[in-house]
């Protein structure tokens, strides 16, 4: 039995995704959620927020990972990253 409606219980994840996106505005990337958050099957409090990053240009991935690690200090439920480099995607 759910205590809160899904839309309310998923708000911390929704806000975290927006925080991640705004934290990387200076990177030429697109960021979206995947797994539980994207499919709306997450278990609030138990699920993490996995993301996919699509990189449009050659950038310093270590700088990205360092900044993401700093975000995880404040948003410990941030999960793993799938990285897609546009140079290796066939159109």
C-alpha atoms as a PDB file:
ATOM      1  CA  UNK A   1       0.000   0.000   0.000  1.00  0.00           C
ATOM      2  CA  UNK A   2       1.436   3.352  -1.051  1.00  0.00           C
ATOM      3  CA  UNK A   3       1.432   6.098   1.552  1.00  0.00           C
ATOM      4  CA  UNK A   4       1.831   8.962  -0.933  1.00  0.00           C
ATOM      5  CA  UNK A   5       0.859   9.256  -4.588  1.00  0.00           C
ATOM      6  CA  UNK A   6       3.746   8.407  -6.906  1.00  0.00           C
ATOM      7  CA  UNK A   7       3.956  11.956  -8.252  1.00  0.00           C
ATOM      8  CA  UNK A   8       4.615  13.355  -4.789  1.00  0.00           C
ATOM      9  CA  UNK A   9       6.993  10.621  -3.640  1.00  0.00           C
ATOM     10  CA  UNK A  10       9.075  11.002  -6.816  1.00  0.00           C
ATOM     11  CA  UNK A  11       9.599  14.764  -6.342  1.00  0.00           C
ATOM     12  CA  UNK A  12      13.079  14.451  -4.759  1.00  0.00           C
ATOM     13  CA  UNK A  13      14.181  12.472  -7.830  1.00  0.00           C
ATOM     14  CA  UNK A  14      12.599  14.980 -10.213  1.00  0.00           C
ATOM     15  CA  UNK A  15      14.336  17.868  -8.463  1.00  0.00           C
ATOM     16  CA  UNK A  16      17.653  16.007  -8.349  1.00  0.00           C
ATOM     17  CA  UNK A  17      17.494  15.438 -12.105  1.00  0.00           C
ATOM     18  CA  UNK A  18      16.926  19.162 -12.650  1.00  0.00           C
ATOM     19  CA  UNK A  19      19.828  19.986 -10.326  1.00  0.00           C
ATOM     20  CA  UNK A  20      22.115  17.634 -12.264  1.00  0.00           C
ATOM     21  CA  UNK A  21      21.027  19.125 -15.586  1.00  0.00           C
ATOM     22  CA  UNK A  22      21.595  22.694 -14.415  1.00  0.00           C
ATOM     23  CA  UNK A  23      24.956  21.774 -12.892  1.00  0.00           C
ATOM     24  CA  UNK A  24      26.198  20.732 -16.320  1.00  0.00           C
ATOM     25  CA  UNK A  25      24.802  23.561 -18.463  1.00  0.00           C
ATOM     26  CA  UNK A  26      28.361  24.553 -19.348  1.00  0.00           C
ATOM     27  CA  UNK A  27      28.938  21.103 -20.885  1.00  0.00           C
ATOM     28  CA  UNK A  28      27.734  20.206 -24.369  1.00  0.00           C
ATOM     29  CA  UNK A  29      25.620  17.293 -23.111  1.00  0.00           C
ATOM     30  CA  UNK A  30      22.051  16.124 -22.831  1.00  0.00           C
ATOM     31  CA  UNK A  31      21.081  14.361 -19.594  1.00  0.00           C
ATOM     32  CA  UNK A  32      18.060  12.191 -18.899  1.00  0.00           C
ATOM     33  CA  UNK A  33      17.033   9.626 -16.333  1.00  0.00           C
ATOM     34  CA  UNK A  34      16.707   5.930 -16.949  1.00  0.00           C
ATOM     35  CA  UNK A  35      15.534   2.762 -15.232  1.00  0.00           C
ATOM     36  CA  UNK A  36      13.123   3.294 -12.318  1.00  0.00           C
ATOM     37  CA  UNK A  37      12.709   7.054 -12.633  1.00  0.00           C
ATOM     38  CA  UNK A  38      12.216   7.032 -16.396  1.00  0.00           C
ATOM     39  CA  UNK A  39       9.869   4.035 -16.251  1.00  0.00           C
ATOM     40  CA  UNK A  40       8.037   5.404 -13.191  1.00  0.00           C
ATOM     41  CA  UNK A  41       8.728   2.210 -11.250  1.00  0.00           C
ATOM     42  CA  UNK A  42      11.135   3.554  -8.641  1.00  0.00           C
ATOM     43  CA  UNK A  43      10.702   2.834  -4.958  1.00  0.00           C
ATOM     44  CA  UNK A  44      11.183   6.181  -3.203  1.00  0.00           C
ATOM     45  CA  UNK A  45      13.836   5.952  -0.530  1.00  0.00           C
ATOM     46  CA  UNK A  46      15.205   2.678  -1.882  1.00  0.00           C
ATOM     47  CA  UNK A  47      15.887   3.478  -5.544  1.00  0.00           C
ATOM     48  CA  UNK A  48      18.754   5.505  -6.903  1.00  0.00           C
ATOM     49  CA  UNK A  49      18.626   7.952  -9.809  1.00  0.00           C
ATOM     50  CA  UNK A  50      20.527   6.521 -12.773  1.00  0.00           C
ATOM     51  CA  UNK A  51      21.236   8.877 -15.656  1.00  0.00           C
ATOM     52  CA  UNK A  52      22.294   8.745 -19.273  1.00  0.00           C
ATOM     53  CA  UNK A  53      24.600  11.439 -20.618  1.00  0.00           C
ATOM     54  CA  UNK A  54      24.828  12.086 -24.352  1.00  0.00           C
ATOM     55  CA  UNK A  55      27.949  14.071 -25.162  1.00  0.00           C
ATOM     56  CA  UNK A  56      27.906  16.180 -28.331  1.00  0.00           C
ATOM     57  CA  UNK A  57      31.548  17.171 -28.228  1.00  0.00           C
ATOM     58  CA  UNK A  58      34.908  16.047 -26.966  1.00  0.00           C
ATOM     59  CA  UNK A  59      35.032  17.104 -23.333  1.00  0.00           C
ATOM     60  CA  UNK A  60      36.973  16.367 -20.194  1.00  0.00           C
ATOM     61  CA  UNK A  61      35.119  13.389 -18.752  1.00  0.00           C
ATOM     62  CA  UNK A  62      37.187  13.589 -15.560  1.00  0.00           C
ATOM     63  CA  UNK A  63      35.872  17.108 -14.920  1.00  0.00           C
ATOM     64  CA  UNK A  64      32.349  15.781 -15.407  1.00  0.00           C
ATOM     65  CA  UNK A  65      32.914  12.874 -13.008  1.00  0.00           C
ATOM     66  CA  UNK A  66      34.490  15.144 -10.372  1.00  0.00           C
ATOM     67  CA  UNK A  67      31.519  17.496 -10.458  1.00  0.00           C
ATOM     68  CA  UNK A  68      29.074  14.570 -10.378  1.00  0.00           C
ATOM     69  CA  UNK A  69      30.919  13.170  -7.371  1.00  0.00           C
ATOM     70  CA  UNK A  70      30.519  16.517  -5.595  1.00  0.00           C
ATOM     71  CA  UNK A  71      26.792  16.470  -6.346  1.00  0.00           C
ATOM     72  CA  UNK A  72      26.569  12.995  -4.807  1.00  0.00           C
ATOM     73  CA  UNK A  73      27.725  14.481  -1.500  1.00  0.00           C
ATOM     74  CA  UNK A  74      24.431  16.402  -1.381  1.00  0.00           C
ATOM     75  CA  UNK A  75      22.280  13.987  -3.386  1.00  0.00           C
ATOM     76  CA  UNK A  76      23.486  10.561  -2.209  1.00  0.00           C
ATOM     77  CA  UNK A  77      20.808   8.735  -4.188  1.00  0.00           C
ATOM     78  CA  UNK A  78      22.425   9.706  -7.513  1.00  0.00           C
ATOM     79  CA  UNK A  79      23.263   6.464  -9.254  1.00  0.00           C
ATOM     80  CA  UNK A  80      25.361   5.283 -12.139  1.00  0.00           C
ATOM     81  CA  UNK A  81      26.014   7.094 -15.389  1.00  0.00           C
ATOM     82  CA  UNK A  82      25.676   5.688 -18.897  1.00  0.00           C
ATOM     83  CA  UNK A  83      27.899   7.759 -21.171  1.00  0.00           C
ATOM     84  CA  UNK A  84      27.166   8.027 -24.893  1.00  0.00           C
ATOM     85  CA  UNK A  85      29.696   9.842 -27.051  1.00  0.00           C
ATOM     86  CA  UNK A  86      28.204  11.233 -30.264  1.00  0.00           C
ATOM     87  CA  UNK A  87      31.440  10.491 -32.129  1.00  0.00           C
ATOM     88  CA  UNK A  88      30.676   6.786 -31.842  1.00  0.00           C
ATOM     89  CA  UNK A  89      26.991   6.881 -32.762  1.00  0.00           C
ATOM     90  CA  UNK A  90      26.035   6.089 -36.339  1.00  0.00           C
ATOM     91  CA  UNK A  91      23.297   8.213 -37.840  1.00  0.00           C
END
